[in-house]
N, C-alpha and C. Protein backbone atom coordinates (compact mmCIF):
# COMPACT_ATOMS: atom_id res chain seq x y z
N UNK A 1 33.35 112.82 -2.23
CA UNK A 1 33.60 111.83 -3.06
C UNK A 1 32.40 111.70 -3.72
N UNK A 2 32.40 111.43 -5.02
CA UNK A 2 30.79 111.38 -5.58
C UNK A 2 30.73 110.01 -5.67
N UNK A 3 29.27 109.41 -5.62
CA UNK A 3 28.73 108.29 -5.76
C UNK A 3 28.91 107.98 -6.81
N UNK A 4 28.62 108.98 -8.14
CA UNK A 4 28.20 108.08 -8.89
C UNK A 4 29.13 108.00 -9.21
N UNK A 5 30.61 108.12 -9.22
CA UNK A 5 31.50 107.68 -10.07
C UNK A 5 32.03 106.31 -9.46
N UNK A 6 32.30 105.73 -10.40
CA UNK A 6 33.47 103.79 -9.89
C UNK A 6 34.87 104.50 -9.79
N UNK A 7 34.58 104.63 -8.47
CA UNK A 7 36.92 104.45 -8.42
C UNK A 7 37.08 103.50 -8.26
N UNK A 8 37.70 102.61 -8.24
CA UNK A 8 37.80 101.25 -9.46
C UNK A 8 37.92 101.08 -10.67
N UNK A 9 37.00 101.16 -11.12
CA UNK A 9 37.12 101.51 -12.71
C UNK A 9 37.71 102.37 -13.50
N UNK A 10 38.00 103.08 -12.32
CA UNK A 10 38.15 104.89 -12.87
C UNK A 10 40.32 103.98 -12.70
N UNK A 11 40.45 104.16 -11.05
CA UNK A 11 41.80 103.95 -11.45
C UNK A 11 42.64 102.51 -12.28
N UNK A 12 41.44 101.83 -13.06
CA UNK A 12 41.76 100.70 -13.31
C UNK A 12 42.88 102.09 -14.86
N UNK A 13 42.30 102.19 -15.03
CA UNK A 13 42.41 103.16 -16.33
C UNK A 13 43.65 103.78 -16.48
N UNK A 14 44.19 103.56 -15.21
CA UNK A 14 45.81 104.74 -15.64
C UNK A 14 46.43 103.34 -15.01
N UNK A 15 47.74 103.30 -15.61
CA UNK A 15 48.94 103.15 -15.79
C UNK A 15 50.10 103.32 -14.81
N UNK A 16 50.88 103.37 -13.65
CA UNK A 16 51.97 104.44 -13.45
C UNK A 16 51.32 105.46 -12.79
N UNK A 17 51.80 105.36 -11.49
CA UNK A 17 51.80 106.81 -10.47
C UNK A 17 51.31 107.47 -10.94
N UNK A 18 51.87 108.32 -11.66
CA UNK A 18 51.67 109.88 -12.30
C UNK A 18 49.69 109.69 -12.47
N UNK A 19 50.10 108.58 -13.56
CA UNK A 19 48.17 108.46 -13.87
C UNK A 19 47.35 108.58 -12.66
N UNK A 20 47.70 107.89 -11.54
CA UNK A 20 46.56 107.15 -10.57
C UNK A 20 46.36 108.56 -9.85
N UNK A 21 47.39 109.72 -9.67
CA UNK A 21 47.52 110.53 -8.83
C UNK A 21 46.21 111.61 -9.64
N UNK A 22 46.38 111.24 -10.90
CA UNK A 22 45.58 112.42 -12.18
C UNK A 22 43.96 111.50 -11.35
N UNK A 23 44.02 110.63 -11.23
CA UNK A 23 42.73 109.93 -11.58
C UNK A 23 42.21 110.20 -9.57
N UNK A 24 42.80 110.27 -8.51
CA UNK A 24 42.55 110.43 -7.55
C UNK A 24 42.27 111.98 -7.69
N UNK A 25 42.60 112.25 -7.71
CA UNK A 25 42.21 113.93 -7.86
C UNK A 25 40.53 114.53 -8.76
N UNK A 26 41.29 113.56 -9.65
CA UNK A 26 39.60 113.86 -10.31
C UNK A 26 38.32 113.18 -9.54
N UNK A 27 38.98 112.24 -9.22
CA UNK A 27 37.38 111.26 -8.74
C UNK A 27 37.29 112.80 -7.01
N UNK A 28 38.49 113.17 -6.42
CA UNK A 28 37.76 113.62 -5.05
C UNK A 28 37.64 114.86 -5.01
N UNK A 29 38.34 115.52 -5.77
CA UNK A 29 37.45 116.72 -6.43
C UNK A 29 37.05 117.04 -7.36
N UNK A 30 36.75 116.22 -8.30
CA UNK A 30 36.01 116.92 -10.30
C UNK A 30 36.75 117.22 -10.52
N UNK A 31 37.96 117.46 -10.41
CA UNK A 31 39.01 119.09 -11.15
C UNK A 31 40.24 119.01 -11.09
N UNK A 32 40.59 118.62 -11.98
CA UNK A 32 42.16 119.39 -11.73
C UNK A 32 42.76 120.44 -13.00
N UNK A 33 44.10 121.42 -11.88
CA UNK A 33 44.40 122.48 -13.38
C UNK A 33 44.86 120.89 -14.06
N UNK A 34 46.09 121.96 -15.24
CA UNK A 34 46.44 120.87 -16.32
C UNK A 34 47.93 119.88 -15.60
N UNK A 35 47.93 118.58 -15.77
CA UNK A 35 48.73 117.90 -15.29
C UNK A 35 49.69 118.03 -15.69
N UNK A 36 50.08 118.74 -16.66
CA UNK A 36 51.79 118.78 -17.48
C UNK A 36 52.18 119.57 -16.85
N UNK A 37 51.50 121.28 -16.26
CA UNK A 37 51.81 122.25 -15.65
C UNK A 37 52.64 121.67 -13.99
N UNK A 38 52.58 120.55 -13.65
CA UNK A 38 52.96 119.82 -12.31
C UNK A 38 54.37 119.15 -12.41
N UNK A 39 54.74 119.13 -14.07
CA UNK A 39 56.18 118.94 -14.15
C UNK A 39 56.96 119.30 -13.98
N UNK A 40 57.94 118.49 -13.19
CA UNK A 40 59.41 119.07 -12.28
C UNK A 40 60.43 119.11 -13.02
N UNK A 41 61.94 119.35 -12.66
CA UNK A 41 63.44 119.29 -13.37
C UNK A 41 63.66 117.76 -13.70
N UNK A 42 63.89 116.71 -14.15
CA UNK A 42 64.18 116.52 -15.76
C UNK A 42 63.06 116.08 -16.56
N UNK A 43 62.33 115.97 -16.17
CA UNK A 43 60.08 115.54 -16.10
C UNK A 43 59.62 116.36 -17.36
N UNK A 44 60.40 117.44 -17.20
CA UNK A 44 59.88 118.51 -18.41
C UNK A 44 60.66 118.14 -19.54
N UNK A 45 61.41 117.64 -19.10
CA UNK A 45 61.83 117.54 -20.97
C UNK A 45 61.40 116.33 -21.91
N UNK A 46 60.45 115.13 -20.98
CA UNK A 46 59.33 114.40 -21.37
C UNK A 46 58.13 115.16 -21.91
N UNK A 47 58.14 116.34 -21.28
CA UNK A 47 56.74 117.18 -21.57
C UNK A 47 56.01 116.33 -22.68
N UNK A 48 55.89 116.17 -23.57
CA UNK A 48 55.73 115.69 -25.09
C UNK A 48 54.91 114.16 -24.43
N UNK A 49 55.93 113.25 -24.28
CA UNK A 49 54.95 112.22 -23.26
C UNK A 49 54.21 111.89 -22.92
N UNK A 50 54.38 113.03 -22.03
CA UNK A 50 53.21 113.53 -20.29
C UNK A 50 52.05 114.13 -21.19
N UNK A 51 52.20 115.00 -22.39
CA UNK A 51 50.70 115.03 -22.56
C UNK A 51 50.04 113.33 -23.16
N UNK A 52 50.92 113.31 -24.06
CA UNK A 52 50.73 111.90 -24.94
C UNK A 52 49.92 111.07 -23.75
N UNK A 53 50.50 110.79 -23.12
CA UNK A 53 50.01 109.98 -21.34
C UNK A 53 48.27 110.52 -20.74
N UNK A 54 48.21 111.83 -20.51
CA UNK A 54 47.39 112.56 -19.93
C UNK A 54 46.58 112.45 -21.42
N UNK A 55 46.59 112.24 -22.47
CA UNK A 55 45.50 112.24 -23.65
C UNK A 55 44.85 110.71 -23.35
N UNK A 56 46.15 110.30 -23.56
CA UNK A 56 45.63 108.14 -23.58
C UNK A 56 44.37 107.77 -22.39
N UNK A 57 44.86 108.51 -20.83
CA UNK A 57 43.97 108.58 -19.60
C UNK A 57 42.85 108.45 -20.00
N UNK A 58 42.29 110.09 -20.63
CA UNK A 58 40.75 110.39 -20.41
C UNK A 58 40.56 109.74 -21.62
N UNK A 59 40.99 109.24 -22.96
CA UNK A 59 41.03 107.97 -23.27
C UNK A 59 40.27 106.90 -22.49
N UNK A 60 40.59 106.32 -21.69
CA UNK A 60 40.54 105.03 -21.53
C UNK A 60 39.27 105.88 -20.27
N UNK A 61 39.67 106.66 -20.16
CA UNK A 61 38.47 107.11 -18.82
C UNK A 61 36.96 106.59 -19.72
N UNK A 62 37.06 107.27 -20.45
CA UNK A 62 35.60 107.58 -21.26
C UNK A 62 35.45 106.00 -21.30
N UNK A 63 36.12 105.86 -22.25
CA UNK A 63 36.20 104.35 -22.62
C UNK A 63 35.80 103.43 -21.83
N UNK A 64 35.96 103.14 -20.75
CA UNK A 64 36.37 102.27 -20.21
C UNK A 64 35.58 102.06 -18.91
N UNK A 65 35.81 103.16 -18.66
CA UNK A 65 34.59 104.00 -17.60
C UNK A 65 33.88 105.42 -17.18
N UNK A 66 33.64 105.30 -18.08
CA UNK A 66 32.19 106.12 -18.70
C UNK A 66 32.54 107.10 -18.16
N UNK A 67 33.30 107.78 -17.49
CA UNK A 67 33.37 109.47 -17.03
C UNK A 67 34.42 110.46 -18.79
N UNK A 68 33.70 111.25 -18.55
CA UNK A 68 34.28 112.49 -19.89
C UNK A 68 35.17 113.30 -18.29
N UNK A 69 35.95 113.27 -19.48
CA UNK A 69 36.34 115.32 -18.71
C UNK A 69 36.95 115.38 -19.82
N UNK A 70 36.71 116.75 -19.96
CA UNK A 70 36.60 117.89 -20.57
C UNK A 70 37.44 118.98 -19.92
N UNK A 71 38.49 120.23 -20.55
CA UNK A 71 38.63 121.92 -20.78
C UNK A 71 37.24 122.03 -19.73
N UNK A 72 37.68 122.86 -19.29
CA UNK A 72 36.04 123.58 -17.74
C UNK A 72 36.52 124.47 -17.93
N UNK A 73 37.77 124.81 -17.67
CA UNK A 73 38.11 126.76 -17.82
C UNK A 73 39.49 126.59 -18.83
N UNK A 74 39.24 127.55 -20.07
CA UNK A 74 40.88 127.79 -20.53
C UNK A 74 41.83 128.61 -20.03
N UNK A 75 42.79 128.87 -19.84
CA UNK A 75 44.02 129.34 -19.18
C UNK A 75 44.20 131.17 -19.63
N UNK A 76 44.63 131.50 -18.68
CA UNK A 76 44.48 132.72 -18.95
C UNK A 76 44.64 133.83 -19.57
N UNK A 77 45.60 133.18 -20.54
CA UNK A 77 45.51 133.62 -21.56
C UNK A 77 44.25 132.36 -23.22
N UNK A 78 43.74 131.36 -23.21
CA UNK A 78 42.89 130.84 -23.38
C UNK A 78 43.50 129.56 -23.76
N UNK A 79 44.60 129.24 -23.18
CA UNK A 79 45.40 128.41 -24.00
C UNK A 79 44.87 126.33 -22.99
N UNK A 80 45.98 125.82 -22.92
CA UNK A 80 45.73 123.99 -22.22
C UNK A 80 46.41 124.55 -21.13
N UNK A 81 47.85 125.28 -20.66
CA UNK A 81 49.14 124.96 -20.07
C UNK A 81 47.70 125.70 -18.84
N UNK A 82 47.19 126.77 -18.90
CA UNK A 82 47.09 126.47 -17.76
C UNK A 82 45.54 126.60 -16.83
N UNK A 83 44.97 125.96 -17.65
CA UNK A 83 43.68 125.23 -18.16
C UNK A 83 43.55 124.56 -17.00
N UNK A 84 41.81 124.01 -16.42
CA UNK A 84 41.54 123.48 -15.71
C UNK A 84 40.83 122.11 -16.65
N UNK A 85 40.82 120.67 -15.59
CA UNK A 85 39.91 119.69 -16.50
C UNK A 85 38.89 119.29 -15.54
N UNK A 86 38.41 119.23 -16.15
CA UNK A 86 36.93 118.40 -14.98
C UNK A 86 36.22 117.30 -15.43
N UNK A 87 35.75 117.04 -15.00
CA UNK A 87 34.44 115.49 -14.88
C UNK A 87 32.91 116.65 -15.57
N UNK A 88 32.37 115.80 -16.25
CA UNK A 88 31.84 116.66 -16.89
C UNK A 88 30.22 115.55 -17.46
C-alpha cells in the first residue's frame, strides 16, 4: 500500500467495475500489465471502447487525484499490448 496516494480520490475517478479493478491494482502494486490484454470472450469485440475507457481513467487520475500513470515498460516487440503501466 502506498501511503502517499489517496485511495479514495483514486477510486472516485473509476467508472464501473473494470476501472475500479484497475485502480485497485495500481494502488496496491504500483503497476499493471495493459488491462486491454485482460479482456476475454465477447468483451474483446469491444476492445476499442475499453481502450478509450482506460485512456479516460488515466486522464481522470491525473486531473482529479494527481496520480500520473505512464508506460513503464513497453511490450516485447515495443508495443502497448504487452506494456506495463505504472504510477510515476
